[in-house]
All heavy atoms as atom14 arrays in JSON, in Angstrom:
{
  "sequence": "TPDVLTEAMGGVPDYAKLTSMSAKVADANALVDGGSFGYLTTPLMAGK",
  "atom14_mask": [
    [1, 1, 1, 1, 1, 1, 1, 0, 0, 0, 0, 0, 0, 0],
    [1, 1, 1, 1, 1, 1, 1, 0, 0, 0, 0, 0, 0, 0],
    [1, 1, 1, 1, 1, 1, 1, 1, 0, 0, 0, 0, 0, 0],
    [1, 1, 1, 1, 1, 1, 1, 0, 0, 0, 0, 0, 0, 0],
    [1, 1, 1, 1, 1, 1, 1, 1, 0, 0, 0, 0, 0, 0],
    [1, 1, 1, 1, 1, 1, 1, 0, 0, 0, 0, 0, 0, 0],
    [1, 1, 1, 1, 1, 1, 1, 1, 1, 0, 0, 0, 0, 0],
    [1, 1, 1, 1, 1, 0, 0, 0, 0, 0, 0, 0, 0, 0],
    [1, 1, 1, 1, 1, 1, 1, 1, 0, 0, 0, 0, 0, 0],
    [1, 1, 1, 1, 0, 0, 0, 0, 0, 0, 0, 0, 0, 0],
    [1, 1, 1, 1, 0, 0, 0, 0, 0, 0, 0, 0, 0, 0],
    [1, 1, 1, 1, 1, 1, 1, 0, 0, 0, 0, 0, 0, 0],
    [1, 1, 1, 1, 1, 1, 1, 0, 0, 0, 0, 0, 0, 0],
    [1, 1, 1, 1, 1, 1, 1, 1, 0, 0, 0, 0, 0, 0],
    [1, 1, 1, 1, 1, 1, 1, 1, 1, 1, 1, 1, 0, 0],
    [1, 1, 1, 1, 1, 0, 0, 0, 0, 0, 0, 0, 0, 0],
    [1, 1, 1, 1, 1, 1, 1, 1, 1, 0, 0, 0, 0, 0],
    [1, 1, 1, 1, 1, 1, 1, 1, 0, 0, 0, 0, 0, 0],
    [1, 1, 1, 1, 1, 1, 1, 0, 0, 0, 0, 0, 0, 0],
    [1, 1, 1, 1, 1, 1, 0, 0, 0, 0, 0, 0, 0, 0],
    [1, 1, 1, 1, 1, 1, 1, 1, 0, 0, 0, 0, 0, 0],
    [1, 1, 1, 1, 1, 1, 0, 0, 0, 0, 0, 0, 0, 0],
    [1, 1, 1, 1, 1, 0, 0, 0, 0, 0, 0, 0, 0, 0],
    [1, 1, 1, 1, 1, 1, 1, 1, 1, 0, 0, 0, 0, 0],
    [1, 1, 1, 1, 1, 1, 1, 0, 0, 0, 0, 0, 0, 0],
    [1, 1, 1, 1, 1, 0, 0, 0, 0, 0, 0, 0, 0, 0],
    [1, 1, 1, 1, 1, 1, 1, 1, 0, 0, 0, 0, 0, 0],
    [1, 1, 1, 1, 1, 0, 0, 0, 0, 0, 0, 0, 0, 0],
    [1, 1, 1, 1, 1, 1, 1, 1, 0, 0, 0, 0, 0, 0],
    [1, 1, 1, 1, 1, 0, 0, 0, 0, 0, 0, 0, 0, 0],
    [1, 1, 1, 1, 1, 1, 1, 1, 0, 0, 0, 0, 0, 0],
    [1, 1, 1, 1, 1, 1, 1, 0, 0, 0, 0, 0, 0, 0],
    [1, 1, 1, 1, 1, 1, 1, 1, 0, 0, 0, 0, 0, 0],
    [1, 1, 1, 1, 0, 0, 0, 0, 0, 0, 0, 0, 0, 0],
    [1, 1, 1, 1, 0, 0, 0, 0, 0, 0, 0, 0, 0, 0],
    [1, 1, 1, 1, 1, 1, 0, 0, 0, 0, 0, 0, 0, 0],
    [1, 1, 1, 1, 1, 1, 1, 1, 1, 1, 1, 0, 0, 0],
    [1, 1, 1, 1, 0, 0, 0, 0, 0, 0, 0, 0, 0, 0],
    [1, 1, 1, 1, 1, 1, 1, 1, 1, 1, 1, 1, 0, 0],
    [1, 1, 1, 1, 1, 1, 1, 1, 0, 0, 0, 0, 0, 0],
    [1, 1, 1, 1, 1, 1, 1, 0, 0, 0, 0, 0, 0, 0],
    [1, 1, 1, 1, 1, 1, 1, 0, 0, 0, 0, 0, 0, 0],
    [1, 1, 1, 1, 1, 1, 1, 0, 0, 0, 0, 0, 0, 0],
    [1, 1, 1, 1, 1, 1, 1, 1, 0, 0, 0, 0, 0, 0],
    [1, 1, 1, 1, 1, 1, 1, 1, 0, 0, 0, 0, 0, 0],
    [1, 1, 1, 1, 1, 0, 0, 0, 0, 0, 0, 0, 0, 0],
    [1, 1, 1, 1, 0, 0, 0, 0, 0, 0, 0, 0, 0, 0],
    [1, 1, 1, 1, 1, 1, 1, 1, 1, 0, 0, 0, 0, 0]
  ],
  "atom14_positions": [
    [[101.72, 36.85, 61.54], [101.09, 37.49, 60.38], [102.11, 38.33, 59.61], [102.79, 39.17, 60.2], [99.93, 38.38, 60.84], [99.01, 37.58, 61.58], [99.2, 39.0, 59.65], [0.0, 0.0, 0.0], [0.0, 0.0, 0.0], [0.0, 0.0, 0.0], [0.0, 0.0, 0.0], [0.0, 0.0, 0.0], [0.0, 0.0, 0.0], [0.0, 0.0, 0.0]],
    [[102.23, 38.08, 58.3], [103.18, 38.87, 57.53], [102.74, 40.34, 57.43], [101.55, 40.66, 57.53], [103.17, 38.22, 56.15], [101.98, 37.34, 56.12], [101.54, 37.08, 57.51], [0.0, 0.0, 0.0], [0.0, 0.0, 0.0], [0.0, 0.0, 0.0], [0.0, 0.0, 0.0], [0.0, 0.0, 0.0], [0.0, 0.0, 0.0], [0.0, 0.0, 0.0]],
    [[103.69, 41.22, 57.27], [103.47, 42.65, 57.07], [102.88, 43.38, 58.28], [102.29, 44.44, 58.13], [102.59, 42.9, 55.85], [103.21, 42.37, 54.57], [104.46, 42.43, 54.46], [102.47, 41.89, 53.7], [0.0, 0.0, 0.0], [0.0, 0.0, 0.0], [0.0, 0.0, 0.0], [0.0, 0.0, 0.0], [0.0, 0.0, 0.0], [0.0, 0.0, 0.0]],
    [[103.03, 42.83, 59.47], [102.62, 43.55, 60.67], [103.72, 44.54, 61.01], [104.89, 44.21, 61.02], [102.39, 42.58, 61.86], [102.19, 43.34, 63.16], [101.19, 41.7, 61.58], [0.0, 0.0, 0.0], [0.0, 0.0, 0.0], [0.0, 0.0, 0.0], [0.0, 0.0, 0.0], [0.0, 0.0, 0.0], [0.0, 0.0, 0.0], [0.0, 0.0, 0.0]],
    [[103.35, 45.78, 61.25], [104.33, 46.82, 61.56], [104.92, 46.61, 62.95], [104.18, 46.4, 63.91], [103.67, 48.2, 61.49], [103.1, 48.58, 60.13], [102.31, 49.87, 60.24], [104.19, 48.72, 59.11], [0.0, 0.0, 0.0], [0.0, 0.0, 0.0], [0.0, 0.0, 0.0], [0.0, 0.0, 0.0], [0.0, 0.0, 0.0], [0.0, 0.0, 0.0]],
    [[106.24, 46.66, 63.04], [106.91, 46.51, 64.32], [107.99, 47.57, 64.47], [108.41, 48.18, 63.48], [107.58, 45.13, 64.45], [108.57, 45.0, 63.42], [106.57, 44.0, 64.33], [0.0, 0.0, 0.0], [0.0, 0.0, 0.0], [0.0, 0.0, 0.0], [0.0, 0.0, 0.0], [0.0, 0.0, 0.0], [0.0, 0.0, 0.0], [0.0, 0.0, 0.0]],
    [[108.41, 47.77, 65.69], [109.52, 48.68, 65.97], [110.36, 48.03, 67.07], [109.88, 47.84, 68.19], [108.99, 50.04, 66.44], [110.05, 51.07, 66.7], [110.7, 51.59, 65.43], [110.0, 51.68, 64.39], [111.89, 51.92, 65.47], [0.0, 0.0, 0.0], [0.0, 0.0, 0.0], [0.0, 0.0, 0.0], [0.0, 0.0, 0.0], [0.0, 0.0, 0.0]],
    [[111.59, 47.67, 66.76], [112.48, 47.05, 67.74], [112.97, 48.11, 68.72], [113.43, 49.17, 68.3], [113.65, 46.38, 67.05], [0.0, 0.0, 0.0], [0.0, 0.0, 0.0], [0.0, 0.0, 0.0], [0.0, 0.0, 0.0], [0.0, 0.0, 0.0], [0.0, 0.0, 0.0], [0.0, 0.0, 0.0], [0.0, 0.0, 0.0], [0.0, 0.0, 0.0]],
    [[112.83, 47.83, 70.0], [113.24, 48.81, 71.01], [114.69, 48.63, 71.42], [115.31, 49.57, 71.89], [112.35, 48.69, 72.26], [110.96, 49.21, 72.06], [111.01, 50.98, 71.82], [109.61, 51.2, 70.79], [0.0, 0.0, 0.0], [0.0, 0.0, 0.0], [0.0, 0.0, 0.0], [0.0, 0.0, 0.0], [0.0, 0.0, 0.0], [0.0, 0.0, 0.0]],
    [[115.24, 47.44, 71.3], [116.62, 47.22, 71.69], [116.83, 47.38, 73.19], [117.9, 47.78, 73.62], [0.0, 0.0, 0.0], [0.0, 0.0, 0.0], [0.0, 0.0, 0.0], [0.0, 0.0, 0.0], [0.0, 0.0, 0.0], [0.0, 0.0, 0.0], [0.0, 0.0, 0.0], [0.0, 0.0, 0.0], [0.0, 0.0, 0.0], [0.0, 0.0, 0.0]],
    [[115.82, 47.08, 73.97], [115.95, 47.14, 75.42], [115.42, 48.4, 76.06], [114.65, 48.35, 76.99], [0.0, 0.0, 0.0], [0.0, 0.0, 0.0], [0.0, 0.0, 0.0], [0.0, 0.0, 0.0], [0.0, 0.0, 0.0], [0.0, 0.0, 0.0], [0.0, 0.0, 0.0], [0.0, 0.0, 0.0], [0.0, 0.0, 0.0], [0.0, 0.0, 0.0]],
    [[115.82, 49.56, 75.58], [115.4, 50.81, 76.21], [114.71, 51.69, 75.17], [115.31, 52.09, 74.19], [116.62, 51.56, 76.8], [116.18, 52.87, 77.44], [117.35, 50.7, 77.81], [0.0, 0.0, 0.0], [0.0, 0.0, 0.0], [0.0, 0.0, 0.0], [0.0, 0.0, 0.0], [0.0, 0.0, 0.0], [0.0, 0.0, 0.0], [0.0, 0.0, 0.0]],
    [[113.42, 51.98, 75.38], [112.72, 52.85, 74.44], [113.2, 54.29, 74.58], [113.58, 54.73, 75.67], [111.25, 52.72, 74.86], [111.29, 52.32, 76.28], [112.55, 51.54, 76.47], [0.0, 0.0, 0.0], [0.0, 0.0, 0.0], [0.0, 0.0, 0.0], [0.0, 0.0, 0.0], [0.0, 0.0, 0.0], [0.0, 0.0, 0.0], [0.0, 0.0, 0.0]],
    [[113.2, 55.0, 73.48], [113.51, 56.42, 73.54], [112.46, 57.17, 72.72], [111.62, 56.58, 72.06], [114.93, 56.73, 73.08], [115.21, 56.31, 71.65], [114.26, 56.15, 70.86], [116.4, 56.14, 71.32], [0.0, 0.0, 0.0], [0.0, 0.0, 0.0], [0.0, 0.0, 0.0], [0.0, 0.0, 0.0], [0.0, 0.0, 0.0], [0.0, 0.0, 0.0]],
    [[112.5, 58.47, 72.79], [111.49, 59.29, 72.13], [111.44, 59.04, 70.63], [110.36, 58.93, 70.05], [111.76, 60.77, 72.43], [110.68, 61.68, 71.89], [109.45, 61.76, 72.53], [110.89, 62.44, 70.76], [108.44, 62.58, 72.04], [109.89, 63.28, 70.26], [108.68, 63.34, 70.91], [107.69, 64.15, 70.42], [0.0, 0.0, 0.0], [0.0, 0.0, 0.0]],
    [[112.59, 58.89, 70.0], [112.64, 58.68, 68.56], [111.96, 57.37, 68.17], [111.22, 57.3, 67.19], [114.08, 58.69, 68.06], [0.0, 0.0, 0.0], [0.0, 0.0, 0.0], [0.0, 0.0, 0.0], [0.0, 0.0, 0.0], [0.0, 0.0, 0.0], [0.0, 0.0, 0.0], [0.0, 0.0, 0.0], [0.0, 0.0, 0.0], [0.0, 0.0, 0.0]],
    [[112.19, 56.31, 68.94], [111.56, 55.01, 68.63], [110.05, 55.07, 68.84], [109.28, 54.51, 68.06], [112.18, 53.92, 69.49], [113.62, 53.61, 69.12], [114.2, 52.6, 70.07], [115.68, 52.37, 69.78], [116.29, 51.49, 70.77], [0.0, 0.0, 0.0], [0.0, 0.0, 0.0], [0.0, 0.0, 0.0], [0.0, 0.0, 0.0], [0.0, 0.0, 0.0]],
    [[109.63, 55.73, 69.91], [108.19, 55.83, 70.18], [107.46, 56.64, 69.12], [106.36, 56.27, 68.68], [107.96, 56.43, 71.57], [108.45, 55.56, 72.73], [108.35, 56.33, 74.04], [107.68, 54.26, 72.81], [0.0, 0.0, 0.0], [0.0, 0.0, 0.0], [0.0, 0.0, 0.0], [0.0, 0.0, 0.0], [0.0, 0.0, 0.0], [0.0, 0.0, 0.0]],
    [[108.06, 57.72, 68.67], [107.41, 58.5, 67.62], [107.47, 57.77, 66.28], [106.57, 57.92, 65.46], [108.04, 59.9, 67.49], [109.44, 59.78, 67.29], [107.76, 60.74, 68.71], [0.0, 0.0, 0.0], [0.0, 0.0, 0.0], [0.0, 0.0, 0.0], [0.0, 0.0, 0.0], [0.0, 0.0, 0.0], [0.0, 0.0, 0.0], [0.0, 0.0, 0.0]],
    [[108.51, 56.98, 66.06], [108.6, 56.18, 64.84], [107.46, 55.17, 64.76], [106.9, 54.94, 63.69], [109.94, 55.46, 64.77], [110.0, 54.62, 63.65], [0.0, 0.0, 0.0], [0.0, 0.0, 0.0], [0.0, 0.0, 0.0], [0.0, 0.0, 0.0], [0.0, 0.0, 0.0], [0.0, 0.0, 0.0], [0.0, 0.0, 0.0], [0.0, 0.0, 0.0]],
    [[107.09, 54.59, 65.89], [105.97, 53.63, 65.91], [104.7, 54.31, 65.44], [103.98, 53.78, 64.59], [105.76, 53.07, 67.31], [106.79, 52.1, 67.75], [106.44, 51.23, 69.31], [105.59, 52.39, 70.31], [0.0, 0.0, 0.0], [0.0, 0.0, 0.0], [0.0, 0.0, 0.0], [0.0, 0.0, 0.0], [0.0, 0.0, 0.0], [0.0, 0.0, 0.0]],
    [[104.39, 55.46, 65.99], [103.17, 56.17, 65.61], [103.21, 56.59, 64.15], [102.2, 56.51, 63.44], [103.0, 57.42, 66.48], [102.9, 57.07, 67.82], [0.0, 0.0, 0.0], [0.0, 0.0, 0.0], [0.0, 0.0, 0.0], [0.0, 0.0, 0.0], [0.0, 0.0, 0.0], [0.0, 0.0, 0.0], [0.0, 0.0, 0.0], [0.0, 0.0, 0.0]],
    [[104.37, 57.0, 63.68], [104.51, 57.44, 62.29], [104.29, 56.28, 61.32], [103.66, 56.46, 60.27], [105.89, 58.05, 62.07], [0.0, 0.0, 0.0], [0.0, 0.0, 0.0], [0.0, 0.0, 0.0], [0.0, 0.0, 0.0], [0.0, 0.0, 0.0], [0.0, 0.0, 0.0], [0.0, 0.0, 0.0], [0.0, 0.0, 0.0], [0.0, 0.0, 0.0]],
    [[104.8, 55.09, 61.65], [104.6, 53.92, 60.79], [103.12, 53.59, 60.64], [102.65, 53.29, 59.55], [105.34, 52.7, 61.34], [106.81, 52.71, 61.11], [107.42, 51.43, 61.67], [108.91, 51.37, 61.47], [109.47, 50.11, 62.02], [0.0, 0.0, 0.0], [0.0, 0.0, 0.0], [0.0, 0.0, 0.0], [0.0, 0.0, 0.0], [0.0, 0.0, 0.0]],
    [[102.4, 53.65, 61.74], [100.96, 53.34, 61.7], [100.22, 54.37, 60.86], [99.4, 54.04, 60.01], [100.38, 53.27, 63.13], [98.87, 53.16, 63.1], [100.99, 52.1, 63.88], [0.0, 0.0, 0.0], [0.0, 0.0, 0.0], [0.0, 0.0, 0.0], [0.0, 0.0, 0.0], [0.0, 0.0, 0.0], [0.0, 0.0, 0.0], [0.0, 0.0, 0.0]],
    [[100.52, 55.64, 61.07], [99.86, 56.7, 60.31], [100.21, 56.62, 58.83], [99.35, 56.81, 57.97], [100.26, 58.07, 60.87], [0.0, 0.0, 0.0], [0.0, 0.0, 0.0], [0.0, 0.0, 0.0], [0.0, 0.0, 0.0], [0.0, 0.0, 0.0], [0.0, 0.0, 0.0], [0.0, 0.0, 0.0], [0.0, 0.0, 0.0], [0.0, 0.0, 0.0]],
    [[101.47, 56.29, 58.53], [101.91, 56.19, 57.14], [101.21, 55.05, 56.41], [100.97, 55.13, 55.21], [103.42, 55.99, 57.08], [103.95, 56.09, 55.67], [103.64, 57.09, 54.98], [104.67, 55.16, 55.24], [0.0, 0.0, 0.0], [0.0, 0.0, 0.0], [0.0, 0.0, 0.0], [0.0, 0.0, 0.0], [0.0, 0.0, 0.0], [0.0, 0.0, 0.0]],
    [[100.85, 54.01, 57.13], [100.15, 52.87, 56.53], [98.64, 53.08, 56.5], [97.89, 52.16, 56.17], [100.48, 51.59, 57.31], [0.0, 0.0, 0.0], [0.0, 0.0, 0.0], [0.0, 0.0, 0.0], [0.0, 0.0, 0.0], [0.0, 0.0, 0.0], [0.0, 0.0, 0.0], [0.0, 0.0, 0.0], [0.0, 0.0, 0.0], [0.0, 0.0, 0.0]],
    [[98.18, 54.27, 56.85], [96.75, 54.6, 56.88], [95.96, 53.67, 57.78], [94.82, 53.32, 57.49], [96.16, 54.6, 55.46], [96.72, 55.7, 54.62], [96.95, 56.81, 55.09], [97.01, 55.39, 53.37], [0.0, 0.0, 0.0], [0.0, 0.0, 0.0], [0.0, 0.0, 0.0], [0.0, 0.0, 0.0], [0.0, 0.0, 0.0], [0.0, 0.0, 0.0]],
    [[96.57, 53.24, 58.88], [95.91, 52.3, 59.79], [94.89, 52.99, 60.69], [94.02, 52.32, 61.23], [96.94, 51.57, 60.63], [0.0, 0.0, 0.0], [0.0, 0.0, 0.0], [0.0, 0.0, 0.0], [0.0, 0.0, 0.0], [0.0, 0.0, 0.0], [0.0, 0.0, 0.0], [0.0, 0.0, 0.0], [0.0, 0.0, 0.0], [0.0, 0.0, 0.0]],
    [[95.0, 54.28, 60.86], [94.03, 55.0, 61.7], [93.03, 55.72, 60.81], [93.18, 56.89, 60.5], [94.75, 55.99, 62.61], [95.65, 55.39, 63.67], [96.38, 56.48, 64.43], [94.84, 54.55, 64.63], [0.0, 0.0, 0.0], [0.0, 0.0, 0.0], [0.0, 0.0, 0.0], [0.0, 0.0, 0.0], [0.0, 0.0, 0.0], [0.0, 0.0, 0.0]],
    [[92.04, 55.0, 60.38], [91.02, 55.6, 59.53], [89.73, 55.75, 60.33], [89.48, 55.01, 61.27], [90.76, 54.75, 58.26], [92.0, 54.77, 57.38], [90.38, 53.34, 58.6], [0.0, 0.0, 0.0], [0.0, 0.0, 0.0], [0.0, 0.0, 0.0], [0.0, 0.0, 0.0], [0.0, 0.0, 0.0], [0.0, 0.0, 0.0], [0.0, 0.0, 0.0]],
    [[88.94, 56.69, 59.96], [87.64, 56.93, 60.59], [87.74, 57.15, 62.09], [86.91, 56.69, 62.86], [86.67, 55.79, 60.3], [86.36, 55.64, 58.82], [86.4, 56.67, 58.12], [86.12, 54.52, 58.37], [0.0, 0.0, 0.0], [0.0, 0.0, 0.0], [0.0, 0.0, 0.0], [0.0, 0.0, 0.0], [0.0, 0.0, 0.0], [0.0, 0.0, 0.0]],
    [[88.8, 57.82, 62.54], [88.93, 58.15, 63.95], [89.16, 56.96, 64.86], [88.79, 57.0, 66.02], [0.0, 0.0, 0.0], [0.0, 0.0, 0.0], [0.0, 0.0, 0.0], [0.0, 0.0, 0.0], [0.0, 0.0, 0.0], [0.0, 0.0, 0.0], [0.0, 0.0, 0.0], [0.0, 0.0, 0.0], [0.0, 0.0, 0.0], [0.0, 0.0, 0.0]],
    [[89.76, 55.89, 64.34], [90.01, 54.71, 65.15], [90.93, 55.0, 66.32], [91.6, 56.03, 66.37], [0.0, 0.0, 0.0], [0.0, 0.0, 0.0], [0.0, 0.0, 0.0], [0.0, 0.0, 0.0], [0.0, 0.0, 0.0], [0.0, 0.0, 0.0], [0.0, 0.0, 0.0], [0.0, 0.0, 0.0], [0.0, 0.0, 0.0], [0.0, 0.0, 0.0]],
    [[90.94, 54.12, 67.26], [91.79, 54.31, 68.44], [93.18, 53.71, 68.21], [93.37, 52.87, 67.35], [91.14, 53.68, 69.67], [91.01, 52.29, 69.49], [0.0, 0.0, 0.0], [0.0, 0.0, 0.0], [0.0, 0.0, 0.0], [0.0, 0.0, 0.0], [0.0, 0.0, 0.0], [0.0, 0.0, 0.0], [0.0, 0.0, 0.0], [0.0, 0.0, 0.0]],
    [[94.12, 54.15, 69.0], [95.51, 53.75, 68.87], [95.94, 53.11, 70.17], [95.65, 53.61, 71.25], [96.35, 55.01, 68.58], [97.77, 54.73, 68.21], [98.09, 54.34, 66.93], [98.78, 54.87, 69.13], [99.4, 54.1, 66.56], [100.09, 54.63, 68.78], [100.4, 54.24, 67.5], [0.0, 0.0, 0.0], [0.0, 0.0, 0.0], [0.0, 0.0, 0.0]],
    [[96.59, 51.97, 70.09], [97.05, 51.29, 71.3], [98.37, 50.61, 71.05], [98.87, 50.57, 69.92], [0.0, 0.0, 0.0], [0.0, 0.0, 0.0], [0.0, 0.0, 0.0], [0.0, 0.0, 0.0], [0.0, 0.0, 0.0], [0.0, 0.0, 0.0], [0.0, 0.0, 0.0], [0.0, 0.0, 0.0], [0.0, 0.0, 0.0], [0.0, 0.0, 0.0]],
    [[98.97, 50.1, 72.1], [100.26, 49.44, 72.04], [100.14, 48.04, 72.61], [99.39, 47.81, 73.56], [101.31, 50.2, 72.84], [101.57, 51.59, 72.33], [100.87, 52.68, 72.82], [102.5, 51.81, 71.34], [101.11, 53.96, 72.35], [102.76, 53.09, 70.85], [102.06, 54.16, 71.38], [102.3, 55.41, 70.9], [0.0, 0.0, 0.0], [0.0, 0.0, 0.0]],
    [[100.89, 47.11, 72.07], [100.97, 45.76, 72.59], [102.41, 45.56, 73.04], [103.34, 45.72, 72.25], [100.61, 44.76, 71.5], [100.74, 43.3, 71.85], [99.74, 42.94, 72.96], [100.51, 42.44, 70.65], [0.0, 0.0, 0.0], [0.0, 0.0, 0.0], [0.0, 0.0, 0.0], [0.0, 0.0, 0.0], [0.0, 0.0, 0.0], [0.0, 0.0, 0.0]],
    [[102.59, 45.26, 74.31], [103.94, 45.12, 74.85], [103.94, 44.13, 76.0], [102.9, 43.62, 76.41], [104.48, 46.5, 75.31], [105.84, 46.36, 75.66], [103.69, 47.06, 76.48], [0.0, 0.0, 0.0], [0.0, 0.0, 0.0], [0.0, 0.0, 0.0], [0.0, 0.0, 0.0], [0.0, 0.0, 0.0], [0.0, 0.0, 0.0], [0.0, 0.0, 0.0]],
    [[105.11, 43.86, 76.49], [105.25, 42.97, 77.65], [105.11, 43.78, 78.93], [105.27, 45.01, 78.92], [106.64, 42.31, 77.65], [107.64, 43.32, 77.82], [106.88, 41.54, 76.35], [0.0, 0.0, 0.0], [0.0, 0.0, 0.0], [0.0, 0.0, 0.0], [0.0, 0.0, 0.0], [0.0, 0.0, 0.0], [0.0, 0.0, 0.0], [0.0, 0.0, 0.0]],
    [[104.83, 43.12, 80.04], [104.74, 43.85, 81.31], [106.05, 44.58, 81.67], [106.01, 45.68, 82.2], [104.42, 42.76, 82.33], [103.72, 41.71, 81.54], [104.39, 41.72, 80.19], [0.0, 0.0, 0.0], [0.0, 0.0, 0.0], [0.0, 0.0, 0.0], [0.0, 0.0, 0.0], [0.0, 0.0, 0.0], [0.0, 0.0, 0.0], [0.0, 0.0, 0.0]],
    [[107.19, 43.97, 81.36], [108.46, 44.62, 81.67], [108.66, 45.9, 80.84], [109.13, 46.92, 81.36], [109.63, 43.67, 81.45], [109.7, 42.5, 82.45], [110.84, 41.55, 82.09], [109.87, 43.01, 83.86], [0.0, 0.0, 0.0], [0.0, 0.0, 0.0], [0.0, 0.0, 0.0], [0.0, 0.0, 0.0], [0.0, 0.0, 0.0], [0.0, 0.0, 0.0]],
    [[108.29, 45.84, 79.55], [108.43, 47.04, 78.72], [107.42, 48.1, 79.16], [107.73, 49.29, 79.18], [108.24, 46.71, 77.24], [108.42, 47.91, 76.33], [110.02, 48.72, 76.44], [111.06, 47.57, 75.6], [0.0, 0.0, 0.0], [0.0, 0.0, 0.0], [0.0, 0.0, 0.0], [0.0, 0.0, 0.0], [0.0, 0.0, 0.0], [0.0, 0.0, 0.0]],
    [[106.23, 47.68, 79.54], [105.25, 48.64, 80.04], [105.79, 49.35, 81.28], [105.6, 50.56, 81.43], [103.93, 47.93, 80.36], [0.0, 0.0, 0.0], [0.0, 0.0, 0.0], [0.0, 0.0, 0.0], [0.0, 0.0, 0.0], [0.0, 0.0, 0.0], [0.0, 0.0, 0.0], [0.0, 0.0, 0.0], [0.0, 0.0, 0.0], [0.0, 0.0, 0.0]],
    [[106.48, 48.62, 82.14], [107.09, 49.23, 83.3], [108.16, 50.25, 82.92], [108.25, 51.32, 83.53], [0.0, 0.0, 0.0], [0.0, 0.0, 0.0], [0.0, 0.0, 0.0], [0.0, 0.0, 0.0], [0.0, 0.0, 0.0], [0.0, 0.0, 0.0], [0.0, 0.0, 0.0], [0.0, 0.0, 0.0], [0.0, 0.0, 0.0], [0.0, 0.0, 0.0]],
    [[108.96, 49.93, 81.91], [109.98, 50.87, 81.45], [109.34, 52.13, 80.88], [109.85, 53.24, 81.06], [110.88, 50.23, 80.39], [111.8, 49.18, 80.93], [112.63, 48.58, 79.81], [113.5, 47.45, 80.32], [114.31, 46.85, 79.27], [0.0, 0.0, 0.0], [0.0, 0.0, 0.0], [0.0, 0.0, 0.0], [0.0, 0.0, 0.0], [0.0, 0.0, 0.0]]
  ]
}
């Protein structure tokens, strides 16, 4: 799907990348009416 917000981790996530993900979603007004926020990742990244 075009225009889906993504954040490349480059192997190891850090605080700046994780906060950037949340900021992109909020900036796009994706959390309206108190919607929930979640992440889609691989099992290996979830472990990291």
